[in-house]
Amino acid sequence: MRIRIKRLDPRAELPAYVHGPEEDAGMDLRAVEDVVLEPGVPQVVPTGLAVEIPPGWEGQVRPRSGLALKHAISMPNAPGTIDPGYRGELKVILINLGREPYRVRAGDRIAQLVIAPYAAVEWEEAELNESRRAAGGFGSSGRS
């Protein structure tokens, strides 16, 4: 699949698979600016990129597991969604769940981008069919 992409900042690096598309679902997104993440304060980190995702597809922006494990850096809105009609700059909302400030440097890998299909739906108001689970939710299975 080919997706159109535009560098809004000459320092921007294109999203890339570390091990290739045969082994990686996500492509790394990189910061184009230095940002200090204070503990507990969400901050937008720009990537310097804009994309044209085709209809029927979305971009899913996800946290990087290494940043989460080693530095307690995550995304409060994970996964973030890039809609096919959006043409603005891709920005990642990061949050530092640790106790000390964390410095993101230009060029650092900050998130992963996965391109995935989605189904467009039309709602049909009706009585719902019965199921074994019924309305059971939030712990209804009795397991932790």
C-alpha atoms as a PDB file:
ATOM      1  CA  MET A   1       0.000   0.000   0.000  1.00  0.00           C
ATOM      2  CA  ARG A   2       1.266   3.469  -0.858  1.00  0.00           C
ATOM      3  CA  ILE A   3       0.317   6.445   1.302  1.00  0.00           C
ATOM      4  CA  ARG A   4       1.119  10.032   0.442  1.00  0.00           C
ATOM      5  CA  ILE A   5       3.239  11.837   3.048  1.00  0.00           C
ATOM      6  CA  LYS A   6       4.583  15.372   3.293  1.00  0.00           C
ATOM      7  CA  ARG A   7       7.486  16.709   5.331  1.00  0.00           C
ATOM      8  CA  LEU A   8       6.346  19.918   7.002  1.00  0.00           C
ATOM      9  CA  ASP A   9       9.735  20.284   8.660  1.00  0.00           C
ATOM     10  CA  PRO A  10      12.999  19.467   6.842  1.00  0.00           C
ATOM     11  CA  ARG A  11      14.245  17.651   9.978  1.00  0.00           C
ATOM     12  CA  ALA A  12      11.318  15.205   9.870  1.00  0.00           C
ATOM     13  CA  GLU A  13      12.098  11.536   9.276  1.00  0.00           C
ATOM     14  CA  LEU A  14       9.600   9.316   7.497  1.00  0.00           C
ATOM     15  CA  PRO A  15       7.947   6.643   9.651  1.00  0.00           C
ATOM     16  CA  ALA A  16       9.967   3.445   9.359  1.00  0.00           C
ATOM     17  CA  TYR A  17       9.808  -0.233  10.280  1.00  0.00           C
ATOM     18  CA  VAL A  18      12.826  -1.266  12.358  1.00  0.00           C
ATOM     19  CA  HIS A  19      12.714  -4.913  11.228  1.00  0.00           C
ATOM     20  CA  GLY A  20      10.710  -4.474   8.039  1.00  0.00           C
ATOM     21  CA  PRO A  21       6.992  -4.870   7.332  1.00  0.00           C
ATOM     22  CA  GLU A  22       7.294  -8.668   7.439  1.00  0.00           C
ATOM     23  CA  GLU A  23       8.105  -8.530  11.172  1.00  0.00           C
ATOM     24  CA  ASP A  24       6.788  -5.169  12.447  1.00  0.00           C
ATOM     25  CA  ALA A  25       3.199  -3.922  12.435  1.00  0.00           C
ATOM     26  CA  GLY A  26       4.178  -0.443  13.609  1.00  0.00           C
ATOM     27  CA  MET A  27       6.451   2.180  12.105  1.00  0.00           C
ATOM     28  CA  ASP A  28       8.370   4.478  14.418  1.00  0.00           C
ATOM     29  CA  LEU A  29       7.383   8.134  14.583  1.00  0.00           C
ATOM     30  CA  ARG A  30      10.115  10.587  15.604  1.00  0.00           C
ATOM     31  CA  ALA A  31      10.082  13.967  17.310  1.00  0.00           C
ATOM     32  CA  VAL A  32      11.281  17.039  15.399  1.00  0.00           C
ATOM     33  CA  GLU A  33      11.686  19.219  18.495  1.00  0.00           C
ATOM     34  CA  ASP A  34      13.261  18.904  21.921  1.00  0.00           C
ATOM     35  CA  VAL A  35      10.567  18.692  24.603  1.00  0.00           C
ATOM     36  CA  VAL A  36      10.789  18.222  28.361  1.00  0.00           C
ATOM     37  CA  LEU A  37       8.015  16.037  29.750  1.00  0.00           C
ATOM     38  CA  GLU A  38       7.296  17.027  33.330  1.00  0.00           C
ATOM     39  CA  PRO A  39       5.741  14.279  35.491  1.00  0.00           C
ATOM     40  CA  GLY A  40       1.973  14.043  35.087  1.00  0.00           C
ATOM     41  CA  VAL A  41       1.641  16.787  32.447  1.00  0.00           C
ATOM     42  CA  PRO A  42       0.468  15.743  28.956  1.00  0.00           C
ATOM     43  CA  GLN A  43       2.409  17.448  26.177  1.00  0.00           C
ATOM     44  CA  VAL A  44       2.112  17.525  22.394  1.00  0.00           C
ATOM     45  CA  VAL A  45       5.234  16.450  20.520  1.00  0.00           C
ATOM     46  CA  PRO A  46       5.343  17.326  16.794  1.00  0.00           C
ATOM     47  CA  THR A  47       6.606  14.930  14.113  1.00  0.00           C
ATOM     48  CA  GLY A  48       6.872  17.414  11.231  1.00  0.00           C
ATOM     49  CA  LEU A  49       4.798  15.125   8.985  1.00  0.00           C
ATOM     50  CA  ALA A  50       1.355  15.150   7.364  1.00  0.00           C
ATOM     51  CA  VAL A  51      -0.249  12.159   5.654  1.00  0.00           C
ATOM     52  CA  GLU A  52      -3.071  11.350   3.244  1.00  0.00           C
ATOM     53  CA  ILE A  53      -4.583   8.102   4.474  1.00  0.00           C
ATOM     54  CA  PRO A  54      -7.031   6.562   1.986  1.00  0.00           C
ATOM     55  CA  PRO A  55     -10.743   6.167   2.798  1.00  0.00           C
ATOM     56  CA  GLY A  56     -11.493   2.956   4.699  1.00  0.00           C
ATOM     57  CA  TRP A  57      -8.153   3.136   6.523  1.00  0.00           C
ATOM     58  CA  GLU A  58      -6.930   4.863   9.669  1.00  0.00           C
ATOM     59  CA  GLY A  59      -3.627   5.583  11.316  1.00  0.00           C
ATOM     60  CA  GLN A  60      -3.331   4.243  14.854  1.00  0.00           C
ATOM     61  CA  VAL A  61      -0.710   6.013  16.959  1.00  0.00           C
ATOM     62  CA  ARG A  62       0.453   3.813  19.813  1.00  0.00           C
ATOM     63  CA  PRO A  63       2.929   4.102  22.691  1.00  0.00           C
ATOM     64  CA  ARG A  64       6.373   2.548  22.401  1.00  0.00           C
ATOM     65  CA  SER A  65       6.824  -0.315  24.857  1.00  0.00           C
ATOM     66  CA  GLY A  66      10.491   0.523  25.514  1.00  0.00           C
ATOM     67  CA  LEU A  67       9.658   4.107  26.548  1.00  0.00           C
ATOM     68  CA  ALA A  68       6.866   2.807  28.784  1.00  0.00           C
ATOM     69  CA  LEU A  69       9.033   0.196  30.505  1.00  0.00           C
ATOM     70  CA  LYS A  70      12.276   2.142  30.847  1.00  0.00           C
ATOM     71  CA  HIS A  71      10.976   5.679  31.422  1.00  0.00           C
ATOM     72  CA  ALA A  72       7.207   5.439  32.209  1.00  0.00           C
ATOM     73  CA  ILE A  73       6.371   7.460  29.066  1.00  0.00           C
ATOM     74  CA  SER A  74       2.964   6.721  27.541  1.00  0.00           C
ATOM     75  CA  MET A  75       0.078   8.271  25.627  1.00  0.00           C
ATOM     76  CA  PRO A  76      -3.018   9.311  27.588  1.00  0.00           C
ATOM     77  CA  ASN A  77      -5.230   8.827  24.507  1.00  0.00           C
ATOM     78  CA  ALA A  78      -3.738   5.548  23.290  1.00  0.00           C
ATOM     79  CA  PRO A  79      -4.283   4.629  20.621  1.00  0.00           C
ATOM     80  CA  GLY A  80      -4.602   7.975  18.900  1.00  0.00           C
ATOM     81  CA  THR A  81      -6.521   7.951  15.628  1.00  0.00           C
ATOM     82  CA  ILE A  82      -5.544   9.649  12.382  1.00  0.00           C
ATOM     83  CA  ASP A  83      -8.678   9.904  10.270  1.00  0.00           C
ATOM     84  CA  PRO A  84      -8.456   9.631   6.472  1.00  0.00           C
ATOM     85  CA  GLY A  85      -9.668  13.217   6.066  1.00  0.00           C
ATOM     86  CA  TYR A  86      -7.030  14.765   8.364  1.00  0.00           C
ATOM     87  CA  ARG A  87      -4.227  16.642   6.591  1.00  0.00           C
ATOM     88  CA  GLY A  88      -2.618  18.483   9.496  1.00  0.00           C
ATOM     89  CA  GLU A  89       0.667  17.729  11.224  1.00  0.00           C
ATOM     90  CA  LEU A  90       0.916  14.427  13.055  1.00  0.00           C
ATOM     91  CA  LYS A  91       1.476  15.235  16.718  1.00  0.00           C
ATOM     92  CA  VAL A  92       1.757  12.769  19.558  1.00  0.00           C
ATOM     93  CA  ILE A  93       0.374  13.438  23.036  1.00  0.00           C
ATOM     94  CA  LEU A  94       2.871  12.031  25.522  1.00  0.00           C
ATOM     95  CA  ILE A  95       2.674  11.831  29.298  1.00  0.00           C
ATOM     96  CA  ASN A  96       5.430  11.142  31.787  1.00  0.00           C
ATOM     97  CA  LEU A  97       4.107   8.756  34.448  1.00  0.00           C
ATOM     98  CA  GLY A  98       7.458   8.740  36.238  1.00  0.00           C
ATOM     99  CA  ARG A  99       8.744  10.974  39.019  1.00  0.00           C
ATOM    100  CA  GLU A 100      11.485  12.884  37.191  1.00  0.00           C
ATOM    101  CA  PRO A 101      11.341  15.095  34.071  1.00  0.00           C
ATOM    102  CA  TYR A 102      12.093  13.242  30.835  1.00  0.00           C
ATOM    103  CA  ARG A 103      13.779  14.934  27.867  1.00  0.00           C
ATOM    104  CA  VAL A 104      12.631  14.054  24.357  1.00  0.00           C
ATOM    105  CA  ARG A 105      15.228  15.094  21.791  1.00  0.00           C
ATOM    106  CA  ALA A 106      14.645  15.841  18.128  1.00  0.00           C
ATOM    107  CA  GLY A 107      15.048  12.546  16.271  1.00  0.00           C
ATOM    108  CA  ASP A 108      13.937  10.360  19.201  1.00  0.00           C
ATOM    109  CA  ARG A 109      11.426   7.619  18.471  1.00  0.00           C
ATOM    110  CA  ILE A 110       8.291   8.653  20.374  1.00  0.00           C
ATOM    111  CA  ALA A 111       5.435   6.429  19.157  1.00  0.00           C
ATOM    112  CA  GLN A 112       4.427   3.803  16.625  1.00  0.00           C
ATOM    113  CA  LEU A 113       2.122   4.249  13.655  1.00  0.00           C
ATOM    114  CA  VAL A 114      -0.018   1.346  12.452  1.00  0.00           C
ATOM    115  CA  ILE A 115      -2.153   1.673   9.317  1.00  0.00           C
ATOM    116  CA  ALA A 116      -5.335  -0.398   9.670  1.00  0.00           C
ATOM    117  CA  PRO A 117      -8.661  -0.842   7.863  1.00  0.00           C
ATOM    118  CA  TYR A 118     -11.912   0.090   9.524  1.00  0.00           C
ATOM    119  CA  ALA A 119     -15.535  -0.711   8.731  1.00  0.00           C
ATOM    120  CA  ALA A 120     -17.970   2.089   7.990  1.00  0.00           C
ATOM    121  CA  VAL A 121     -21.341   1.265   9.541  1.00  0.00           C
ATOM    122  CA  GLU A 122     -24.959   2.308   9.307  1.00  0.00           C
ATOM    123  CA  TRP A 123     -27.066   1.935  12.442  1.00  0.00           C
ATOM    124  CA  GLU A 124     -30.248  -0.141  12.394  1.00  0.00           C
ATOM    125  CA  GLU A 125     -32.462   0.486  15.409  1.00  0.00           C
ATOM    126  CA  ALA A 126     -34.027  -2.800  16.510  1.00  0.00           C
ATOM    127  CA  GLU A 127     -34.530  -5.184  19.414  1.00  0.00           C
ATOM    128  CA  LEU A 128     -31.280  -7.030  20.092  1.00  0.00           C
ATOM    129  CA  ASN A 129     -30.863 -10.812  19.905  1.00  0.00           C
ATOM    130  CA  GLU A 130     -30.228 -12.647  23.178  1.00  0.00           C
ATOM    131  CA  SER A 131     -26.712 -13.817  24.090  1.00  0.00           C
ATOM    132  CA  ARG A 132     -25.179 -15.883  26.905  1.00  0.00           C
ATOM    133  CA  ARG A 133     -23.345 -12.861  28.280  1.00  0.00           C
ATOM    134  CA  ALA A 134     -26.373 -10.562  28.019  1.00  0.00           C
ATOM    135  CA  ALA A 135     -25.649  -7.255  29.800  1.00  0.00           C
ATOM    136  CA  GLY A 136     -22.810  -8.661  31.931  1.00  0.00           C
ATOM    137  CA  GLY A 137     -19.705  -6.481  31.842  1.00  0.00           C
ATOM    138  CA  PHE A 138     -17.025  -5.023  34.127  1.00  0.00           C
ATOM    139  CA  GLY A 139     -15.923  -8.195  35.902  1.00  0.00           C
ATOM    140  CA  SER A 140     -18.941 -10.310  35.008  1.00  0.00           C
ATOM    141  CA  SER A 141     -16.724 -13.277  34.119  1.00  0.00           C
ATOM    142  CA  GLY A 142     -15.658 -13.598  37.772  1.00  0.00           C
ATOM    143  CA  ARG A 143     -11.981 -13.589  36.829  1.00  0.00           C
ATOM    144  CA  SER A 144      -9.334 -11.005  37.664  1.00  0.00           C
END
